[in-house]
Amino acid sequence: MSLFPPDLTALDGTPLDTADLNGRAVLVVNVASRCGLTPQYEGLERLHARYAERGFAVLGAPCNQFGEQEPGSAEEIATFCSTTYGTTFPMTAKLEVNGDDRHPLYRELTQTPDAEGAAGDVQWNFEKFLVAPGGEVLARFRPTTDPESDEVVAAIERALA
């Protein structure tokens, strides 16, 4: 069974190719352009490039729920990410990650506990969920965890083994 809903929309408004994601290990990250953690885009892009040929992808999910730090339009977000950080990984349209309007993808993801055993709401921008090629959520990393930290890289390596 796929974790990624078939009706997931890409940032440009077209359907996202979830069939491609289902065959990969995917790091799903709620992102924002005006956050103190925004420089994590650099590490996310490096991970995406480093492991793409082995069946890995980063999936960015812009979200404006935390301090309204992603207020831009889809075009503004795409331009910011590509010109500032050179991002090439796929991005969804803006999603709600918490609350009554939480996207179905995040209803599933937030059931996964972090290393301390805490599940539930996303804490802030740049929370990361590692999904196996078969759709199982393998790990959850809180916002301040650097995407290129030893723990994230080790989890990606295990998912691709």
N, C-alpha and C. Protein backbone atom coordinates (compact mmCIF):
# COMPACT_ATOMS: atom_id res chain seq x y z
N MET A 1 0.84 -1.19 0.00
CA MET A 1 0.00 0.00 0.00
C MET A 1 0.88 1.24 0.00
N SER A 2 0.47 2.25 -0.73
CA SER A 2 1.25 3.46 -0.85
C SER A 2 0.94 4.45 0.27
N LEU A 3 1.96 5.09 0.78
CA LEU A 3 1.76 6.15 1.76
C LEU A 3 1.39 7.45 1.05
N PHE A 4 1.84 7.61 -0.18
CA PHE A 4 1.63 8.85 -0.91
C PHE A 4 0.31 8.80 -1.67
N PRO A 5 -0.64 9.68 -1.31
CA PRO A 5 -1.93 9.66 -1.98
C PRO A 5 -1.79 9.99 -3.46
N PRO A 6 -2.56 9.31 -4.32
CA PRO A 6 -2.43 9.51 -5.76
C PRO A 6 -2.83 10.92 -6.20
N ASP A 7 -3.57 11.64 -5.38
CA ASP A 7 -4.01 12.98 -5.76
C ASP A 7 -3.11 14.08 -5.19
N LEU A 8 -1.90 13.73 -4.78
CA LEU A 8 -0.97 14.72 -4.25
C LEU A 8 -0.60 15.69 -5.37
N THR A 9 -0.65 16.98 -5.07
CA THR A 9 -0.41 18.01 -6.07
C THR A 9 1.00 18.57 -5.93
N ALA A 10 1.66 18.75 -7.06
CA ALA A 10 2.99 19.35 -7.08
C ALA A 10 2.87 20.86 -6.88
N LEU A 11 3.97 21.50 -6.57
CA LEU A 11 3.99 22.93 -6.32
C LEU A 11 3.47 23.71 -7.52
N ASP A 12 3.71 23.23 -8.73
CA ASP A 12 3.25 23.95 -9.92
C ASP A 12 1.78 23.70 -10.25
N GLY A 13 1.08 22.95 -9.39
CA GLY A 13 -0.35 22.72 -9.57
C GLY A 13 -0.69 21.47 -10.37
N THR A 14 0.30 20.80 -10.90
CA THR A 14 0.07 19.56 -11.65
C THR A 14 0.07 18.37 -10.68
N PRO A 15 -0.46 17.23 -11.11
CA PRO A 15 -0.39 16.05 -10.24
C PRO A 15 1.07 15.63 -10.02
N LEU A 16 1.40 15.31 -8.78
CA LEU A 16 2.74 14.84 -8.45
C LEU A 16 2.84 13.37 -8.84
N ASP A 17 3.96 12.96 -9.40
CA ASP A 17 4.15 11.58 -9.82
C ASP A 17 4.45 10.71 -8.59
N THR A 18 3.39 10.29 -7.91
CA THR A 18 3.58 9.50 -6.70
C THR A 18 4.07 8.09 -7.01
N ALA A 19 3.85 7.60 -8.22
CA ALA A 19 4.36 6.27 -8.59
C ALA A 19 5.88 6.26 -8.49
N ASP A 20 6.52 7.35 -8.87
CA ASP A 20 7.97 7.44 -8.75
C ASP A 20 8.40 7.45 -7.29
N LEU A 21 7.65 8.14 -6.45
CA LEU A 21 8.00 8.19 -5.02
C LEU A 21 7.84 6.83 -4.36
N ASN A 22 6.83 6.07 -4.77
CA ASN A 22 6.56 4.79 -4.13
C ASN A 22 7.70 3.80 -4.28
N GLY A 23 8.53 3.95 -5.28
CA GLY A 23 9.65 3.05 -5.48
C GLY A 23 10.95 3.55 -4.87
N ARG A 24 10.87 4.62 -4.10
CA ARG A 24 12.08 5.24 -3.54
C ARG A 24 11.99 5.35 -2.02
N ALA A 25 13.14 5.50 -1.39
CA ALA A 25 13.17 5.97 -0.01
C ALA A 25 13.01 7.49 -0.12
N VAL A 26 12.13 8.06 0.68
CA VAL A 26 11.81 9.48 0.56
C VAL A 26 11.91 10.15 1.92
N LEU A 27 12.60 11.30 1.95
CA LEU A 27 12.64 12.13 3.14
C LEU A 27 11.63 13.25 2.92
N VAL A 28 10.50 13.19 3.63
CA VAL A 28 9.44 14.18 3.51
C VAL A 28 9.71 15.27 4.54
N VAL A 29 9.74 16.52 4.09
CA VAL A 29 10.10 17.64 4.97
C VAL A 29 9.14 18.79 4.74
N ASN A 30 8.51 19.28 5.82
CA ASN A 30 7.70 20.49 5.68
C ASN A 30 8.65 21.69 5.70
N VAL A 31 8.60 22.48 4.64
CA VAL A 31 9.58 23.54 4.42
C VAL A 31 8.95 24.92 4.47
N ALA A 32 9.80 25.92 4.68
CA ALA A 32 9.37 27.32 4.70
C ALA A 32 10.53 28.20 4.27
N SER A 33 10.21 29.26 3.56
CA SER A 33 11.23 30.14 2.98
C SER A 33 11.73 31.24 3.92
N ARG A 34 10.99 31.53 4.97
CA ARG A 34 11.35 32.64 5.85
C ARG A 34 11.54 32.19 7.29
N CYS A 35 12.25 31.11 7.46
CA CYS A 35 12.45 30.49 8.77
C CYS A 35 13.94 30.49 9.09
N GLY A 36 14.26 30.50 10.35
CA GLY A 36 15.65 30.40 10.75
C GLY A 36 16.29 29.09 10.31
N LEU A 37 15.47 28.08 10.04
CA LEU A 37 15.96 26.78 9.59
C LEU A 37 16.01 26.64 8.07
N THR A 38 15.60 27.68 7.35
CA THR A 38 15.56 27.64 5.89
C THR A 38 16.89 27.21 5.26
N PRO A 39 18.05 27.57 5.81
CA PRO A 39 19.31 27.09 5.22
C PRO A 39 19.43 25.57 5.14
N GLN A 40 18.54 24.83 5.81
CA GLN A 40 18.55 23.37 5.68
C GLN A 40 18.27 22.93 4.24
N TYR A 41 17.70 23.82 3.43
CA TYR A 41 17.51 23.50 2.01
C TYR A 41 18.82 23.03 1.38
N GLU A 42 19.94 23.64 1.78
CA GLU A 42 21.24 23.26 1.20
C GLU A 42 21.54 21.79 1.45
N GLY A 43 21.41 21.37 2.70
CA GLY A 43 21.67 19.98 3.05
C GLY A 43 20.68 19.03 2.42
N LEU A 44 19.42 19.44 2.35
CA LEU A 44 18.40 18.60 1.71
C LEU A 44 18.73 18.38 0.24
N GLU A 45 19.15 19.43 -0.43
CA GLU A 45 19.51 19.31 -1.85
C GLU A 45 20.74 18.41 -2.03
N ARG A 46 21.72 18.55 -1.14
CA ARG A 46 22.90 17.69 -1.25
C ARG A 46 22.53 16.22 -1.04
N LEU A 47 21.66 15.94 -0.06
CA LEU A 47 21.20 14.56 0.14
C LEU A 47 20.48 14.03 -1.09
N HIS A 48 19.59 14.85 -1.63
CA HIS A 48 18.83 14.46 -2.81
C HIS A 48 19.78 14.10 -3.96
N ALA A 49 20.77 14.93 -4.20
CA ALA A 49 21.72 14.68 -5.28
C ALA A 49 22.61 13.47 -4.99
N ARG A 50 23.05 13.35 -3.75
CA ARG A 50 23.98 12.28 -3.36
C ARG A 50 23.37 10.89 -3.52
N TYR A 51 22.09 10.76 -3.17
CA TYR A 51 21.47 9.43 -3.12
C TYR A 51 20.44 9.17 -4.22
N ALA A 52 20.22 10.11 -5.11
CA ALA A 52 19.17 9.95 -6.13
C ALA A 52 19.36 8.69 -6.96
N GLU A 53 20.59 8.42 -7.39
CA GLU A 53 20.84 7.26 -8.24
C GLU A 53 20.65 5.94 -7.51
N ARG A 54 20.61 6.00 -6.17
CA ARG A 54 20.40 4.78 -5.38
C ARG A 54 18.93 4.59 -5.02
N GLY A 55 18.07 5.47 -5.49
CA GLY A 55 16.64 5.30 -5.22
C GLY A 55 16.12 6.13 -4.07
N PHE A 56 16.65 7.32 -3.90
CA PHE A 56 16.25 8.22 -2.81
C PHE A 56 15.78 9.54 -3.38
N ALA A 57 14.86 10.17 -2.67
CA ALA A 57 14.41 11.52 -3.03
C ALA A 57 14.04 12.28 -1.77
N VAL A 58 14.19 13.57 -1.84
CA VAL A 58 13.63 14.48 -0.84
C VAL A 58 12.31 14.97 -1.43
N LEU A 59 11.30 15.09 -0.59
CA LEU A 59 10.02 15.68 -0.99
C LEU A 59 9.73 16.84 -0.06
N GLY A 60 9.76 18.05 -0.60
CA GLY A 60 9.46 19.24 0.18
C GLY A 60 7.96 19.51 0.19
N ALA A 61 7.45 19.88 1.36
CA ALA A 61 6.03 20.19 1.51
C ALA A 61 5.91 21.58 2.14
N PRO A 62 5.82 22.62 1.32
CA PRO A 62 5.68 23.97 1.89
C PRO A 62 4.48 24.07 2.83
N CYS A 63 4.70 24.75 3.93
CA CYS A 63 3.66 24.88 4.94
C CYS A 63 3.75 26.26 5.57
N ASN A 64 2.62 26.91 5.74
CA ASN A 64 2.58 28.26 6.31
C ASN A 64 1.99 28.27 7.72
N GLN A 65 1.97 27.14 8.40
CA GLN A 65 1.34 27.04 9.71
C GLN A 65 2.20 27.52 10.87
N PHE A 66 3.46 27.70 10.66
CA PHE A 66 4.37 28.05 11.76
C PHE A 66 4.89 29.46 11.56
N GLY A 67 4.31 30.39 12.28
CA GLY A 67 4.74 31.78 12.21
C GLY A 67 4.54 32.41 10.84
N GLU A 68 3.66 31.84 10.03
CA GLU A 68 3.41 32.34 8.67
C GLU A 68 4.72 32.58 7.91
N GLN A 69 5.62 31.57 8.00
CA GLN A 69 6.95 31.70 7.41
C GLN A 69 7.04 31.17 5.98
N GLU A 70 5.88 30.80 5.41
CA GLU A 70 5.83 30.41 4.00
C GLU A 70 4.60 31.07 3.37
N PRO A 71 4.59 32.42 3.30
CA PRO A 71 3.40 33.13 2.83
C PRO A 71 3.30 33.24 1.30
N GLY A 72 4.36 32.94 0.58
CA GLY A 72 4.40 33.20 -0.85
C GLY A 72 3.50 32.30 -1.68
N SER A 73 3.35 32.71 -2.93
CA SER A 73 2.63 31.91 -3.91
C SER A 73 3.52 30.74 -4.33
N ALA A 74 2.94 29.80 -5.05
CA ALA A 74 3.71 28.66 -5.54
C ALA A 74 4.88 29.13 -6.40
N GLU A 75 4.64 30.10 -7.25
CA GLU A 75 5.70 30.63 -8.11
C GLU A 75 6.80 31.29 -7.29
N GLU A 76 6.43 32.05 -6.27
CA GLU A 76 7.44 32.70 -5.41
C GLU A 76 8.26 31.67 -4.66
N ILE A 77 7.61 30.63 -4.17
CA ILE A 77 8.32 29.57 -3.45
C ILE A 77 9.31 28.87 -4.40
N ALA A 78 8.85 28.50 -5.58
CA ALA A 78 9.70 27.82 -6.56
C ALA A 78 10.90 28.68 -6.94
N THR A 79 10.65 29.95 -7.19
CA THR A 79 11.74 30.86 -7.58
C THR A 79 12.74 31.01 -6.44
N PHE A 80 12.25 31.21 -5.22
CA PHE A 80 13.14 31.35 -4.06
C PHE A 80 14.01 30.11 -3.90
N CYS A 81 13.40 28.93 -3.94
CA CYS A 81 14.14 27.69 -3.70
C CYS A 81 15.17 27.42 -4.79
N SER A 82 14.80 27.66 -6.02
CA SER A 82 15.73 27.36 -7.11
C SER A 82 16.85 28.39 -7.20
N THR A 83 16.54 29.66 -7.01
CA THR A 83 17.58 30.68 -7.14
C THR A 83 18.45 30.80 -5.90
N THR A 84 17.89 30.60 -4.73
CA THR A 84 18.66 30.76 -3.49
C THR A 84 19.43 29.49 -3.13
N TYR A 85 18.79 28.33 -3.32
CA TYR A 85 19.40 27.07 -2.87
C TYR A 85 19.61 26.05 -3.99
N GLY A 86 19.20 26.36 -5.19
CA GLY A 86 19.40 25.44 -6.30
C GLY A 86 18.65 24.13 -6.16
N THR A 87 17.51 24.16 -5.50
CA THR A 87 16.78 22.92 -5.26
C THR A 87 16.27 22.30 -6.55
N THR A 88 16.37 20.98 -6.60
CA THR A 88 15.86 20.21 -7.73
C THR A 88 14.88 19.14 -7.28
N PHE A 89 14.76 18.94 -5.97
CA PHE A 89 13.86 17.88 -5.50
C PHE A 89 12.40 18.31 -5.64
N PRO A 90 11.50 17.33 -5.74
CA PRO A 90 10.08 17.66 -5.92
C PRO A 90 9.50 18.34 -4.69
N MET A 91 8.51 19.18 -4.97
CA MET A 91 7.80 19.90 -3.90
C MET A 91 6.30 19.75 -4.15
N THR A 92 5.58 19.64 -3.06
CA THR A 92 4.12 19.61 -3.15
C THR A 92 3.59 21.03 -3.15
N ALA A 93 2.30 21.16 -3.44
CA ALA A 93 1.61 22.42 -3.18
C ALA A 93 1.63 22.60 -1.65
N LYS A 94 1.33 23.80 -1.17
CA LYS A 94 1.28 24.04 0.26
C LYS A 94 0.34 23.04 0.93
N LEU A 95 0.78 22.51 2.08
CA LEU A 95 -0.01 21.54 2.84
C LEU A 95 -0.18 22.02 4.27
N GLU A 96 -1.27 21.61 4.88
CA GLU A 96 -1.45 21.75 6.33
C GLU A 96 -0.88 20.47 6.95
N VAL A 97 -0.01 20.60 7.94
CA VAL A 97 0.60 19.44 8.56
C VAL A 97 0.02 19.14 9.94
N ASN A 98 -0.71 20.08 10.50
CA ASN A 98 -1.36 19.92 11.81
C ASN A 98 -2.79 20.41 11.72
N GLY A 99 -3.58 20.07 12.72
CA GLY A 99 -4.93 20.62 12.85
C GLY A 99 -5.99 19.87 12.06
N ASP A 100 -7.18 20.43 12.06
CA ASP A 100 -8.34 19.80 11.43
C ASP A 100 -8.17 19.61 9.93
N ASP A 101 -7.41 20.49 9.28
CA ASP A 101 -7.21 20.40 7.83
C ASP A 101 -5.90 19.72 7.45
N ARG A 102 -5.34 18.96 8.40
CA ARG A 102 -4.08 18.24 8.15
C ARG A 102 -4.24 17.36 6.91
N HIS A 103 -3.27 17.45 6.02
CA HIS A 103 -3.30 16.65 4.79
C HIS A 103 -3.23 15.16 5.15
N PRO A 104 -3.90 14.29 4.39
CA PRO A 104 -3.86 12.85 4.68
C PRO A 104 -2.44 12.28 4.80
N LEU A 105 -1.51 12.78 3.99
CA LEU A 105 -0.13 12.32 4.11
C LEU A 105 0.39 12.56 5.52
N TYR A 106 0.13 13.74 6.07
CA TYR A 106 0.62 14.06 7.40
C TYR A 106 -0.20 13.41 8.51
N ARG A 107 -1.44 13.00 8.21
CA ARG A 107 -2.19 12.22 9.20
C ARG A 107 -1.45 10.91 9.46
N GLU A 108 -0.88 10.34 8.40
CA GLU A 108 -0.10 9.11 8.54
C GLU A 108 1.28 9.37 9.16
N LEU A 109 1.98 10.35 8.61
CA LEU A 109 3.34 10.61 9.08
C LEU A 109 3.40 10.93 10.57
N THR A 110 2.47 11.73 11.06
CA THR A 110 2.54 12.19 12.45
C THR A 110 2.23 11.10 13.48
N GLN A 111 1.82 9.93 13.00
CA GLN A 111 1.63 8.80 13.92
C GLN A 111 2.97 8.16 14.30
N THR A 112 4.01 8.50 13.56
CA THR A 112 5.34 7.94 13.79
C THR A 112 6.05 8.68 14.91
N PRO A 113 6.57 7.96 15.90
CA PRO A 113 7.31 8.62 16.98
C PRO A 113 8.73 8.98 16.56
N ASP A 114 9.27 9.99 17.23
CA ASP A 114 10.67 10.35 17.02
C ASP A 114 11.56 9.43 17.87
N ALA A 115 12.84 9.71 17.94
CA ALA A 115 13.78 8.87 18.68
C ALA A 115 13.47 8.83 20.17
N GLU A 116 12.78 9.84 20.68
CA GLU A 116 12.41 9.89 22.10
C GLU A 116 11.07 9.21 22.37
N GLY A 117 10.41 8.74 21.31
CA GLY A 117 9.14 8.05 21.46
C GLY A 117 7.91 8.95 21.36
N ALA A 118 8.11 10.21 20.98
CA ALA A 118 6.98 11.16 20.90
C ALA A 118 6.45 11.23 19.48
N ALA A 119 5.15 10.95 19.33
CA ALA A 119 4.46 11.09 18.05
C ALA A 119 3.57 12.33 18.14
N GLY A 120 2.72 12.52 17.16
CA GLY A 120 1.77 13.64 17.21
C GLY A 120 2.19 14.78 16.31
N ASP A 121 1.69 15.95 16.62
CA ASP A 121 1.87 17.12 15.77
C ASP A 121 3.32 17.41 15.39
N VAL A 122 3.45 17.96 14.20
CA VAL A 122 4.74 18.48 13.73
C VAL A 122 5.06 19.68 14.61
N GLN A 123 6.31 19.77 15.08
CA GLN A 123 6.70 20.84 16.00
C GLN A 123 6.93 22.17 15.32
N TRP A 124 7.53 22.15 14.13
CA TRP A 124 7.92 23.40 13.46
C TRP A 124 8.31 23.07 12.03
N ASN A 125 8.73 24.07 11.28
CA ASN A 125 9.23 23.87 9.93
C ASN A 125 10.45 22.95 9.94
N PHE A 126 10.61 22.20 8.88
CA PHE A 126 11.75 21.32 8.63
C PHE A 126 11.78 20.08 9.52
N GLU A 127 10.60 19.60 9.91
CA GLU A 127 10.53 18.28 10.53
C GLU A 127 10.62 17.26 9.40
N LYS A 128 11.35 16.17 9.65
CA LYS A 128 11.67 15.22 8.59
C LYS A 128 11.14 13.83 8.91
N PHE A 129 10.59 13.17 7.88
CA PHE A 129 10.11 11.79 8.01
C PHE A 129 10.75 10.98 6.90
N LEU A 130 11.38 9.87 7.27
CA LEU A 130 12.00 9.00 6.28
C LEU A 130 11.04 7.85 5.98
N VAL A 131 10.69 7.70 4.71
CA VAL A 131 9.75 6.68 4.26
C VAL A 131 10.50 5.67 3.40
N ALA A 132 10.27 4.39 3.67
CA ALA A 132 10.89 3.31 2.90
C ALA A 132 10.25 3.21 1.52
N PRO A 133 10.94 2.57 0.57
CA PRO A 133 10.37 2.40 -0.77
C PRO A 133 8.98 1.76 -0.76
N GLY A 134 8.68 0.91 0.19
CA GLY A 134 7.37 0.27 0.26
C GLY A 134 6.30 1.10 0.96
N GLY A 135 6.67 2.26 1.50
CA GLY A 135 5.69 3.14 2.13
C GLY A 135 5.71 3.14 3.65
N GLU A 136 6.54 2.32 4.27
CA GLU A 136 6.62 2.31 5.73
C GLU A 136 7.41 3.53 6.21
N VAL A 137 6.89 4.20 7.24
CA VAL A 137 7.61 5.34 7.81
C VAL A 137 8.66 4.77 8.76
N LEU A 138 9.92 5.02 8.44
CA LEU A 138 11.03 4.42 9.17
C LEU A 138 11.54 5.26 10.33
N ALA A 139 11.50 6.58 10.17
CA ALA A 139 12.10 7.44 11.19
C ALA A 139 11.51 8.84 11.10
N ARG A 140 11.60 9.52 12.22
CA ARG A 140 11.15 10.91 12.33
C ARG A 140 12.26 11.72 12.98
N PHE A 141 12.58 12.85 12.37
CA PHE A 141 13.64 13.71 12.88
C PHE A 141 13.05 15.10 13.10
N ARG A 142 13.26 15.63 14.26
CA ARG A 142 12.68 16.93 14.62
C ARG A 142 13.36 18.06 13.84
N PRO A 143 12.75 19.25 13.84
CA PRO A 143 13.20 20.34 12.97
C PRO A 143 14.67 20.73 13.08
N THR A 144 15.22 20.74 14.28
CA THR A 144 16.60 21.21 14.41
C THR A 144 17.64 20.15 14.04
N THR A 145 17.20 18.94 13.71
CA THR A 145 18.14 17.91 13.26
C THR A 145 18.62 18.27 11.86
N ASP A 146 19.91 18.45 11.72
CA ASP A 146 20.48 18.79 10.42
C ASP A 146 20.23 17.65 9.45
N PRO A 147 19.80 17.96 8.22
CA PRO A 147 19.52 16.89 7.27
C PRO A 147 20.73 16.01 6.95
N GLU A 148 21.94 16.54 7.12
CA GLU A 148 23.14 15.76 6.84
C GLU A 148 23.80 15.22 8.11
N SER A 149 23.03 15.21 9.20
CA SER A 149 23.57 14.68 10.46
C SER A 149 23.83 13.18 10.31
N ASP A 150 24.69 12.67 11.18
CA ASP A 150 25.02 11.25 11.13
C ASP A 150 23.77 10.39 11.26
N GLU A 151 22.82 10.78 12.11
CA GLU A 151 21.64 9.95 12.33
C GLU A 151 20.73 9.90 11.10
N VAL A 152 20.59 11.02 10.40
CA VAL A 152 19.76 11.03 9.20
C VAL A 152 20.45 10.25 8.09
N VAL A 153 21.73 10.49 7.87
CA VAL A 153 22.47 9.78 6.82
C VAL A 153 22.47 8.28 7.08
N ALA A 154 22.68 7.87 8.33
CA ALA A 154 22.66 6.44 8.66
C ALA A 154 21.31 5.81 8.37
N ALA A 155 20.23 6.54 8.69
CA ALA A 155 18.89 6.02 8.43
C ALA A 155 18.63 5.91 6.93
N ILE A 156 19.10 6.87 6.15
CA ILE A 156 18.95 6.79 4.69
C ILE A 156 19.73 5.59 4.15
N GLU A 157 20.96 5.42 4.62
CA GLU A 157 21.78 4.30 4.17
C GLU A 157 21.08 2.97 4.47
N ARG A 158 20.50 2.84 5.67
CA ARG A 158 19.78 1.60 6.03
C ARG A 158 18.57 1.40 5.11
N ALA A 159 17.87 2.48 4.81
CA ALA A 159 16.68 2.37 3.95
C ALA A 159 17.04 1.96 2.53
N LEU A 160 18.23 2.29 2.10
CA LEU A 160 18.66 1.99 0.73
C LEU A 160 19.43 0.66 0.62
N ALA A 161 19.72 0.07 1.77
CA ALA A 161 20.52 -1.19 1.78
C ALA A 161 19.74 -2.35 1.18
